[in-house]
Amino acid sequence: MPESSGETETAERLTDRQQRDQGNPSFHNITSLISQLADDHLTLVRNISTGLAVAGVIVIARSIRLLTKFQAASEIPARFIERNISLCGKVHSITERGLEVEHVPIYLPIVSPFLTKHKGGCTSPLLVHLAGVELTPEGRVWLQKNLAPAQTVWLKLISREDDVLHCLVSPTRQRSMWSYCMNEEVLMLGLARTVPVVGVLPASRLYWRLLKRLHRAEVKAERRRLGLWKQDGLWERASKVVRDSALFRLMKRILKKTGD
């Protein structure tokens, strides 16, 4: 059976292509060389891409300073305080000056070593005050018992005064700055009083929201007669009235002279 004209043309085209390829061996050499170079340098290309990505992360991290370990209040950028950023730290000690907390920055295995400013040696803790709170001596003792050394805490930055940070202190990370915190706890136990929030404008929304929340905690302690709001019982109050009366003082002087 005779072949069709289409099949004859296809066969002729294949034959012509094979002849051209055989007559041009350099074409195969160039193609093979390019393929070999791509295979050999694939790892290099990947490494370059990874390096560029890491460099980008380092530049961004350096600009926002999320990986920097702060050892003084003055090292913290002003924008961190303005935006009420939360910092992680470990309790170092609790003294009459306030809480001493060692800042623990975010750690990334590859990036962090390039951004570490303080390598080795001793570290200086941050001095922290409970924002809007004045502790009683009993309140300081309570904090010492409930915030153990090396315990992790979160510091919600409120303001800065010289070398002191005024913060909301939480023993664990909270979703909201108005969640449970140590500032409220010492007030609800009657172990502290509310005071004006240092470094925050009284007309600001933050000031009134914070003061309202802390005052509410203080009122709970006052209603329950806890801590410094605790009142003497009926017998104690009656005894005090008798001791302070003029008749009691007169009888005391007479008895003293009689004894002499």
C-alpha atoms as a PDB file:
ATOM      1  CA  MET A   1       0.000   0.000   0.000  1.00  0.00           C
ATOM      2  CA  PRO A   2       1.606   3.366  -0.987  1.00  0.00           C
ATOM      3  CA  GLU A   3       2.528   5.796   1.808  1.00  0.00           C
ATOM      4  CA  SER A   4       0.584   9.008   2.143  1.00  0.00           C
ATOM      5  CA  SER A   5       2.187  12.339   1.286  1.00  0.00           C
ATOM      6  CA  GLY A   6       1.996  13.483   5.002  1.00  0.00           C
ATOM      7  CA  GLU A   7       3.949  10.493   6.302  1.00  0.00           C
ATOM      8  CA  THR A   8       6.560  10.954   3.558  1.00  0.00           C
ATOM      9  CA  GLU A   9       7.100  14.633   4.555  1.00  0.00           C
ATOM     10  CA  THR A  10       7.439  13.758   8.261  1.00  0.00           C
ATOM     11  CA  ALA A  11      10.058  11.123   7.556  1.00  0.00           C
ATOM     12  CA  GLU A  12      11.989  13.540   5.411  1.00  0.00           C
ATOM     13  CA  ARG A  13      11.965  16.189   8.166  1.00  0.00           C
ATOM     14  CA  LEU A  14      13.325  13.729  10.735  1.00  0.00           C
ATOM     15  CA  THR A  15      16.048  12.675   8.364  1.00  0.00           C
ATOM     16  CA  ASP A  16      17.033  16.279   7.674  1.00  0.00           C
ATOM     17  CA  ARG A  17      17.151  17.096  11.443  1.00  0.00           C
ATOM     18  CA  GLN A  18      19.346  14.083  12.194  1.00  0.00           C
ATOM     19  CA  GLN A  19      21.688  15.086   9.417  1.00  0.00           C
ATOM     20  CA  ARG A  20      21.937  18.669  10.706  1.00  0.00           C
ATOM     21  CA  ASP A  21      22.592  17.483  14.270  1.00  0.00           C
ATOM     22  CA  GLN A  22      25.272  15.087  13.130  1.00  0.00           C
ATOM     23  CA  GLY A  23      26.832  17.851  11.106  1.00  0.00           C
ATOM     24  CA  ASN A  24      26.840  20.257  14.120  1.00  0.00           C
ATOM     25  CA  PRO A  25      28.400  18.447  17.147  1.00  0.00           C
ATOM     26  CA  SER A  26      29.154  21.774  18.895  1.00  0.00           C
ATOM     27  CA  PHE A  27      25.448  22.162  19.588  1.00  0.00           C
ATOM     28  CA  HIS A  28      25.496  19.068  21.808  1.00  0.00           C
ATOM     29  CA  ASN A  29      28.677  20.205  23.550  1.00  0.00           C
ATOM     30  CA  ILE A  30      27.261  23.609  24.483  1.00  0.00           C
ATOM     31  CA  THR A  31      24.027  22.111  25.777  1.00  0.00           C
ATOM     32  CA  SER A  32      25.893  19.548  27.883  1.00  0.00           C
ATOM     33  CA  LEU A  33      28.249  22.190  29.239  1.00  0.00           C
ATOM     34  CA  ILE A  34      25.404  24.454  30.349  1.00  0.00           C
ATOM     35  CA  SER A  35      23.611  21.561  32.028  1.00  0.00           C
ATOM     36  CA  GLN A  36      26.788  20.493  33.821  1.00  0.00           C
ATOM     37  CA  LEU A  37      27.512  24.031  35.060  1.00  0.00           C
ATOM     38  CA  ALA A  38      23.970  24.375  36.375  1.00  0.00           C
ATOM     39  CA  ASP A  39      24.240  21.080  38.251  1.00  0.00           C
ATOM     40  CA  ASP A  40      27.684  21.872  39.666  1.00  0.00           C
ATOM     41  CA  HIS A  41      26.750  25.325  40.928  1.00  0.00           C
ATOM     42  CA  LEU A  42      23.251  24.597  42.162  1.00  0.00           C
ATOM     43  CA  THR A  43      24.512  24.341  45.752  1.00  0.00           C
ATOM     44  CA  LEU A  44      26.387  27.616  45.354  1.00  0.00           C
ATOM     45  CA  VAL A  45      23.272  29.369  44.081  1.00  0.00           C
ATOM     46  CA  ARG A  46      21.272  28.024  47.016  1.00  0.00           C
ATOM     47  CA  ASN A  47      23.938  29.161  49.488  1.00  0.00           C
ATOM     48  CA  ILE A  48      23.985  32.639  47.960  1.00  0.00           C
ATOM     49  CA  SER A  49      20.196  32.851  48.234  1.00  0.00           C
ATOM     50  CA  THR A  50      20.312  31.732  51.881  1.00  0.00           C
ATOM     51  CA  GLY A  51      23.060  34.224  52.640  1.00  0.00           C
ATOM     52  CA  LEU A  52      21.098  37.084  51.131  1.00  0.00           C
ATOM     53  CA  ALA A  53      18.031  36.079  53.149  1.00  0.00           C
ATOM     54  CA  VAL A  54      20.043  35.961  56.392  1.00  0.00           C
ATOM     55  CA  ALA A  55      21.624  39.326  55.607  1.00  0.00           C
ATOM     56  CA  GLY A  56      18.170  40.785  55.069  1.00  0.00           C
ATOM     57  CA  VAL A  57      16.965  39.449  58.413  1.00  0.00           C
ATOM     58  CA  ILE A  58      20.059  40.869  60.144  1.00  0.00           C
ATOM     59  CA  VAL A  59      19.468  44.316  58.640  1.00  0.00           C
ATOM     60  CA  ILE A  60      15.812  44.300  59.692  1.00  0.00           C
ATOM     61  CA  ALA A  61      16.580  42.966  63.174  1.00  0.00           C
ATOM     62  CA  ARG A  62      19.327  45.544  63.666  1.00  0.00           C
ATOM     63  CA  SER A  63      16.971  48.343  62.674  1.00  0.00           C
ATOM     64  CA  ILE A  64      14.178  47.318  65.071  1.00  0.00           C
ATOM     65  CA  ARG A  65      16.575  45.983  67.783  1.00  0.00           C
ATOM     66  CA  LEU A  66      14.409  43.040  68.740  1.00  0.00           C
ATOM     67  CA  LEU A  67      17.471  40.847  69.268  1.00  0.00           C
ATOM     68  CA  THR A  68      19.457  43.356  71.332  1.00  0.00           C
ATOM     69  CA  LYS A  69      20.037  42.659  75.015  1.00  0.00           C
ATOM     70  CA  PHE A  70      19.320  45.813  76.999  1.00  0.00           C
ATOM     71  CA  GLN A  71      21.351  46.345  80.158  1.00  0.00           C
ATOM     72  CA  ALA A  72      20.180  49.851  81.011  1.00  0.00           C
ATOM     73  CA  ALA A  73      16.948  51.778  80.656  1.00  0.00           C
ATOM     74  CA  SER A  74      18.712  54.341  78.456  1.00  0.00           C
ATOM     75  CA  GLU A  75      19.489  51.643  75.853  1.00  0.00           C
ATOM     76  CA  ILE A  76      15.811  50.984  75.144  1.00  0.00           C
ATOM     77  CA  PRO A  77      14.569  52.928  72.096  1.00  0.00           C
ATOM     78  CA  ALA A  78      11.953  55.575  72.788  1.00  0.00           C
ATOM     79  CA  ARG A  79       9.574  53.985  70.267  1.00  0.00           C
ATOM     80  CA  PHE A  80       9.510  50.798  72.386  1.00  0.00           C
ATOM     81  CA  ILE A  81       8.113  52.774  75.320  1.00  0.00           C
ATOM     82  CA  GLU A  82       5.761  54.858  73.180  1.00  0.00           C
ATOM     83  CA  ARG A  83       4.244  51.663  71.745  1.00  0.00           C
ATOM     84  CA  ASN A  84       4.209  49.859  75.133  1.00  0.00           C
ATOM     85  CA  ILE A  85       6.317  46.970  73.840  1.00  0.00           C
ATOM     86  CA  SER A  86       6.635  43.885  76.078  1.00  0.00           C
ATOM     87  CA  LEU A  87      10.128  42.670  76.980  1.00  0.00           C
ATOM     88  CA  CYS A  88      10.954  39.258  78.394  1.00  0.00           C
ATOM     89  CA  GLY A  89      13.265  38.976  81.378  1.00  0.00           C
ATOM     90  CA  LYS A  90      14.385  36.915  84.333  1.00  0.00           C
ATOM     91  CA  VAL A  91      14.070  38.129  87.908  1.00  0.00           C
ATOM     92  CA  HIS A  92      17.482  38.896  89.379  1.00  0.00           C
ATOM     93  CA  SER A  93      16.465  40.243  92.788  1.00  0.00           C
ATOM     94  CA  ILE A  94      13.914  42.436  94.583  1.00  0.00           C
ATOM     95  CA  THR A  95      15.314  45.276  96.675  1.00  0.00           C
ATOM     96  CA  GLU A  96      14.113  48.535  98.195  1.00  0.00           C
ATOM     97  CA  ARG A  97      14.948  50.224  94.883  1.00  0.00           C
ATOM     98  CA  GLY A  98      12.639  47.918  92.935  1.00  0.00           C
ATOM     99  CA  LEU A  99      12.796  44.788  90.804  1.00  0.00           C
ATOM    100  CA  GLU A 100      16.087  43.950  89.130  1.00  0.00           C
ATOM    101  CA  VAL A 101      15.320  42.046  85.934  1.00  0.00           C
ATOM    102  CA  GLU A 102      17.793  40.658  83.417  1.00  0.00           C
ATOM    103  CA  HIS A 103      16.524  41.243  79.893  1.00  0.00           C
ATOM    104  CA  VAL A 104      16.260  38.136  77.705  1.00  0.00           C
ATOM    105  CA  PRO A 105      16.105  39.112  74.010  1.00  0.00           C
ATOM    106  CA  ILE A 106      14.600  37.032  71.220  1.00  0.00           C
ATOM    107  CA  TYR A 107      17.124  34.417  70.074  1.00  0.00           C
ATOM    108  CA  LEU A 108      17.612  33.208  66.511  1.00  0.00           C
ATOM    109  CA  PRO A 109      20.346  30.546  66.073  1.00  0.00           C
ATOM    110  CA  ILE A 110      22.025  32.123  63.025  1.00  0.00           C
ATOM    111  CA  VAL A 111      21.197  35.806  63.379  1.00  0.00           C
ATOM    112  CA  SER A 112      21.599  36.448  67.116  1.00  0.00           C
ATOM    113  CA  PRO A 113      25.401  35.889  67.314  1.00  0.00           C
ATOM    114  CA  PHE A 114      25.915  38.700  64.780  1.00  0.00           C
ATOM    115  CA  LEU A 115      23.848  41.149  66.821  1.00  0.00           C
ATOM    116  CA  THR A 116      25.034  40.382  70.350  1.00  0.00           C
ATOM    117  CA  LYS A 117      26.503  43.562  71.788  1.00  0.00           C
ATOM    118  CA  HIS A 118      27.487  42.235  75.213  1.00  0.00           C
ATOM    119  CA  LYS A 119      29.522  39.061  74.897  1.00  0.00           C
ATOM    120  CA  GLY A 120      30.661  37.330  78.039  1.00  0.00           C
ATOM    121  CA  GLY A 121      31.323  38.977  81.354  1.00  0.00           C
ATOM    122  CA  CYS A 122      28.735  40.060  83.878  1.00  0.00           C
ATOM    123  CA  THR A 123      25.378  41.415  82.831  1.00  0.00           C
ATOM    124  CA  SER A 124      23.621  44.422  84.317  1.00  0.00           C
ATOM    125  CA  PRO A 125      19.912  43.985  85.162  1.00  0.00           C
ATOM    126  CA  LEU A 126      17.239  46.545  84.439  1.00  0.00           C
ATOM    127  CA  LEU A 127      15.716  48.415  87.378  1.00  0.00           C
ATOM    128  CA  VAL A 128      11.917  48.082  87.235  1.00  0.00           C
ATOM    129  CA  HIS A 129       9.121  49.687  89.263  1.00  0.00           C
ATOM    130  CA  LEU A 130       5.505  48.559  89.240  1.00  0.00           C
ATOM    131  CA  ALA A 131       3.779  51.347  87.311  1.00  0.00           C
ATOM    132  CA  GLY A 132       1.195  53.278  89.322  1.00  0.00           C
ATOM    133  CA  VAL A 133       1.955  51.367  92.529  1.00  0.00           C
ATOM    134  CA  GLU A 134       3.650  52.249  95.821  1.00  0.00           C
ATOM    135  CA  LEU A 135       4.589  49.082  97.686  1.00  0.00           C
ATOM    136  CA  THR A 136       4.406  48.690 101.438  1.00  0.00           C
ATOM    137  CA  PRO A 137       7.214  46.792 103.219  1.00  0.00           C
ATOM    138  CA  GLU A 138       4.850  43.819 103.397  1.00  0.00           C
ATOM    139  CA  GLY A 139       4.258  44.129  99.661  1.00  0.00           C
ATOM    140  CA  ARG A 140       7.985  43.939  98.975  1.00  0.00           C
ATOM    141  CA  VAL A 141       8.242  40.801 101.097  1.00  0.00           C
ATOM    142  CA  TRP A 142       5.296  39.308  99.222  1.00  0.00           C
ATOM    143  CA  LEU A 143       6.997  39.964  95.888  1.00  0.00           C
ATOM    144  CA  GLN A 144      10.191  38.336  97.122  1.00  0.00           C
ATOM    145  CA  LYS A 145       8.211  35.217  97.977  1.00  0.00           C
ATOM    146  CA  ASN A 146       6.204  35.101  94.749  1.00  0.00           C
ATOM    147  CA  LEU A 147       8.850  36.137  92.218  1.00  0.00           C
ATOM    148  CA  ALA A 148      11.694  33.693  92.630  1.00  0.00           C
ATOM    149  CA  PRO A 149      15.155  34.426  91.188  1.00  0.00           C
ATOM    150  CA  ALA A 150      15.509  33.382  87.536  1.00  0.00           C
ATOM    151  CA  GLN A 151      11.717  33.332  87.125  1.00  0.00           C
ATOM    152  CA  THR A 152      10.558  34.553  83.723  1.00  0.00           C
ATOM    153  CA  VAL A 153       8.471  37.721  83.673  1.00  0.00           C
ATOM    154  CA  TRP A 154       7.092  40.005  80.970  1.00  0.00           C
ATOM    155  CA  LEU A 155       7.560  43.756  81.264  1.00  0.00           C
ATOM    156  CA  LYS A 156       4.972  45.940  79.571  1.00  0.00           C
ATOM    157  CA  LEU A 157       6.828  49.219  79.101  1.00  0.00           C
ATOM    158  CA  ILE A 158       4.821  52.213  80.350  1.00  0.00           C
ATOM    159  CA  SER A 159       7.399  54.949  80.942  1.00  0.00           C
ATOM    160  CA  ARG A 160      11.033  55.646  81.739  1.00  0.00           C
ATOM    161  CA  GLU A 161      12.438  57.879  84.449  1.00  0.00           C
ATOM    162  CA  ASP A 162      16.230  58.227  84.448  1.00  0.00           C
ATOM    163  CA  ASP A 163      17.488  54.657  84.994  1.00  0.00           C
ATOM    164  CA  VAL A 164      14.113  53.292  86.121  1.00  0.00           C
ATOM    165  CA  LEU A 165      11.505  51.560  83.952  1.00  0.00           C
ATOM    166  CA  HIS A 166       7.867  51.784  85.025  1.00  0.00           C
ATOM    167  CA  CYS A 167       6.128  48.657  83.786  1.00  0.00           C
ATOM    168  CA  LEU A 168       3.218  46.286  84.143  1.00  0.00           C
ATOM    169  CA  VAL A 169       4.866  43.097  85.364  1.00  0.00           C
ATOM    170  CA  SER A 170       3.356  39.686  84.575  1.00  0.00           C
ATOM    171  CA  PRO A 171       4.845  36.337  85.641  1.00  0.00           C
ATOM    172  CA  THR A 172       3.726  34.837  82.315  1.00  0.00           C
ATOM    173  CA  ARG A 173       3.030  36.322  78.922  1.00  0.00           C
ATOM    174  CA  GLN A 174      -0.427  37.801  78.588  1.00  0.00           C
ATOM    175  CA  ARG A 175      -2.512  38.552  75.502  1.00  0.00           C
ATOM    176  CA  SER A 176      -3.467  42.017  76.680  1.00  0.00           C
ATOM    177  CA  MET A 177      -1.752  44.706  78.700  1.00  0.00           C
ATOM    178  CA  TRP A 178      -4.852  44.729  80.911  1.00  0.00           C
ATOM    179  CA  SER A 179      -4.646  41.044  81.810  1.00  0.00           C
ATOM    180  CA  TYR A 180      -3.600  39.771  85.235  1.00  0.00           C
ATOM    181  CA  CYS A 181      -0.398  41.421  86.440  1.00  0.00           C
ATOM    182  CA  MET A 182       1.552  41.845  89.661  1.00  0.00           C
ATOM    183  CA  ASN A 183       0.616  45.540  89.830  1.00  0.00           C
ATOM    184  CA  GLU A 184      -3.023  44.628  90.342  1.00  0.00           C
ATOM    185  CA  GLU A 185      -2.291  41.669  92.592  1.00  0.00           C
ATOM    186  CA  VAL A 186      -0.427  43.642  95.264  1.00  0.00           C
ATOM    187  CA  LEU A 187      -3.219  46.231  95.253  1.00  0.00           C
ATOM    188  CA  MET A 188      -5.974  43.624  95.618  1.00  0.00           C
ATOM    189  CA  LEU A 189      -4.110  42.150  98.605  1.00  0.00           C
ATOM    190  CA  GLY A 190      -3.802  45.536 100.282  1.00  0.00           C
ATOM    191  CA  LEU A 191      -0.010  45.467 100.013  1.00  0.00           C
ATOM    192  CA  ALA A 192       0.314  48.707  98.040  1.00  0.00           C
ATOM    193  CA  ARG A 193      -1.373  51.999  97.206  1.00  0.00           C
ATOM    194  CA  THR A 194      -2.123  53.553  93.847  1.00  0.00           C
ATOM    195  CA  VAL A 195      -0.006  56.569  92.895  1.00  0.00           C
ATOM    196  CA  PRO A 196       0.094  58.782  89.777  1.00  0.00           C
ATOM    197  CA  VAL A 197       1.655  56.999  86.811  1.00  0.00           C
ATOM    198  CA  VAL A 198       5.107  58.506  86.316  1.00  0.00           C
ATOM    199  CA  GLY A 199       6.059  59.672  82.848  1.00  0.00           C
ATOM    200  CA  VAL A 200       2.569  59.450  81.305  1.00  0.00           C
ATOM    201  CA  LEU A 201       0.558  62.533  80.431  1.00  0.00           C
ATOM    202  CA  PRO A 202      -2.518  62.794  82.701  1.00  0.00           C
ATOM    203  CA  ALA A 203      -4.628  63.755  79.698  1.00  0.00           C
ATOM    204  CA  SER A 204      -3.694  60.630  77.759  1.00  0.00           C
ATOM    205  CA  ARG A 205      -6.024  57.678  77.280  1.00  0.00           C
ATOM    206  CA  LEU A 206      -3.373  55.279  78.573  1.00  0.00           C
ATOM    207  CA  TYR A 207      -3.076  57.183  81.869  1.00  0.00           C
ATOM    208  CA  TRP A 208      -6.767  57.011  82.707  1.00  0.00           C
ATOM    209  CA  ARG A 209      -7.225  53.436  81.569  1.00  0.00           C
ATOM    210  CA  LEU A 210      -4.313  52.287  83.700  1.00  0.00           C
ATOM    211  CA  LEU A 211      -5.274  54.394  86.728  1.00  0.00           C
ATOM    212  CA  LYS A 212      -8.875  53.184  86.551  1.00  0.00           C
ATOM    213  CA  ARG A 213      -7.797  49.549  86.448  1.00  0.00           C
ATOM    214  CA  LEU A 214      -5.374  49.913  89.357  1.00  0.00           C
ATOM    215  CA  HIS A 215      -7.872  51.905  91.434  1.00  0.00           C
ATOM    216  CA  ARG A 216     -10.454  49.178  90.919  1.00  0.00           C
ATOM    217  CA  ALA A 217      -8.010  46.624  92.343  1.00  0.00           C
ATOM    218  CA  GLU A 218      -7.293  48.885  95.323  1.00  0.00           C
ATOM    219  CA  VAL A 219     -11.006  49.295  96.063  1.00  0.00           C
ATOM    220  CA  LYS A 220     -11.382  45.509  96.249  1.00  0.00           C
ATOM    221  CA  ALA A 221      -8.769  45.347  99.010  1.00  0.00           C
ATOM    222  CA  GLU A 222     -10.383  48.266 100.851  1.00  0.00           C
ATOM    223  CA  ARG A 223     -13.816  46.620 100.784  1.00  0.00           C
ATOM    224  CA  ARG A 224     -12.396  43.341 102.042  1.00  0.00           C
ATOM    225  CA  ARG A 225     -10.304  45.088 104.734  1.00  0.00           C
ATOM    226  CA  LEU A 226      -7.106  43.475 103.511  1.00  0.00           C
ATOM    227  CA  GLY A 227      -3.531  44.525 104.227  1.00  0.00           C
ATOM    228  CA  LEU A 228      -3.167  48.204 104.987  1.00  0.00           C
ATOM    229  CA  TRP A 229      -6.969  48.555 104.865  1.00  0.00           C
ATOM    230  CA  LYS A 230      -7.435  46.094 107.691  1.00  0.00           C
ATOM    231  CA  GLN A 231      -9.265  47.638 110.676  1.00  0.00           C
ATOM    232  CA  ASP A 232      -9.135  46.626 114.323  1.00  0.00           C
ATOM    233  CA  GLY A 233     -12.024  44.672 115.770  1.00  0.00           C
ATOM    234  CA  LEU A 234     -14.597  46.073 118.212  1.00  0.00           C
ATOM    235  CA  TRP A 235     -12.586  45.049 121.312  1.00  0.00           C
ATOM    236  CA  GLU A 236      -9.353  46.571 119.934  1.00  0.00           C
ATOM    237  CA  ARG A 237     -11.085  49.844 119.081  1.00  0.00           C
ATOM    238  CA  ALA A 238     -12.780  50.034 122.510  1.00  0.00           C
ATOM    239  CA  SER A 239      -9.488  49.358 124.284  1.00  0.00           C
ATOM    240  CA  LYS A 240      -7.774  52.089 122.310  1.00  0.00           C
ATOM    241  CA  VAL A 241     -10.501  54.600 123.203  1.00  0.00           C
ATOM    242  CA  VAL A 242     -10.173  53.760 126.907  1.00  0.00           C
ATOM    243  CA  ARG A 243      -6.371  54.044 126.817  1.00  0.00           C
ATOM    244  CA  ASP A 244      -6.557  57.429 125.123  1.00  0.00           C
ATOM    245  CA  SER A 245      -9.192  58.832 127.521  1.00  0.00           C
ATOM    246  CA  ALA A 246      -8.315  61.514 130.111  1.00  0.00           C
ATOM    247  CA  LEU A 247      -9.822  59.448 132.956  1.00  0.00           C
ATOM    248  CA  PHE A 248      -7.590  56.503 132.157  1.00  0.00           C
ATOM    249  CA  ARG A 249      -4.479  58.714 132.075  1.00  0.00           C
ATOM    250  CA  LEU A 250      -5.454  60.290 135.409  1.00  0.00           C
ATOM    251  CA  MET A 251      -5.950  56.911 137.076  1.00  0.00           C
ATOM    252  CA  LYS A 252      -2.629  55.756 135.678  1.00  0.00           C
ATOM    253  CA  ARG A 253      -0.809  58.750 137.233  1.00  0.00           C
ATOM    254  CA  ILE A 254      -2.530  58.202 140.605  1.00  0.00           C
ATOM    255  CA  LEU A 255      -1.562  54.536 140.656  1.00  0.00           C
ATOM    256  CA  LYS A 256       1.990  55.433 139.759  1.00  0.00           C
ATOM    257  CA  LYS A 257       2.287  57.948 142.638  1.00  0.00           C
ATOM    258  CA  THR A 258       0.724  55.481 145.050  1.00  0.00           C
ATOM    259  CA  GLY A 259       3.258  52.875 144.095  1.00  0.00           C
ATOM    260  CA  ASP A 260       6.100  55.285 144.669  1.00  0.00           C
END
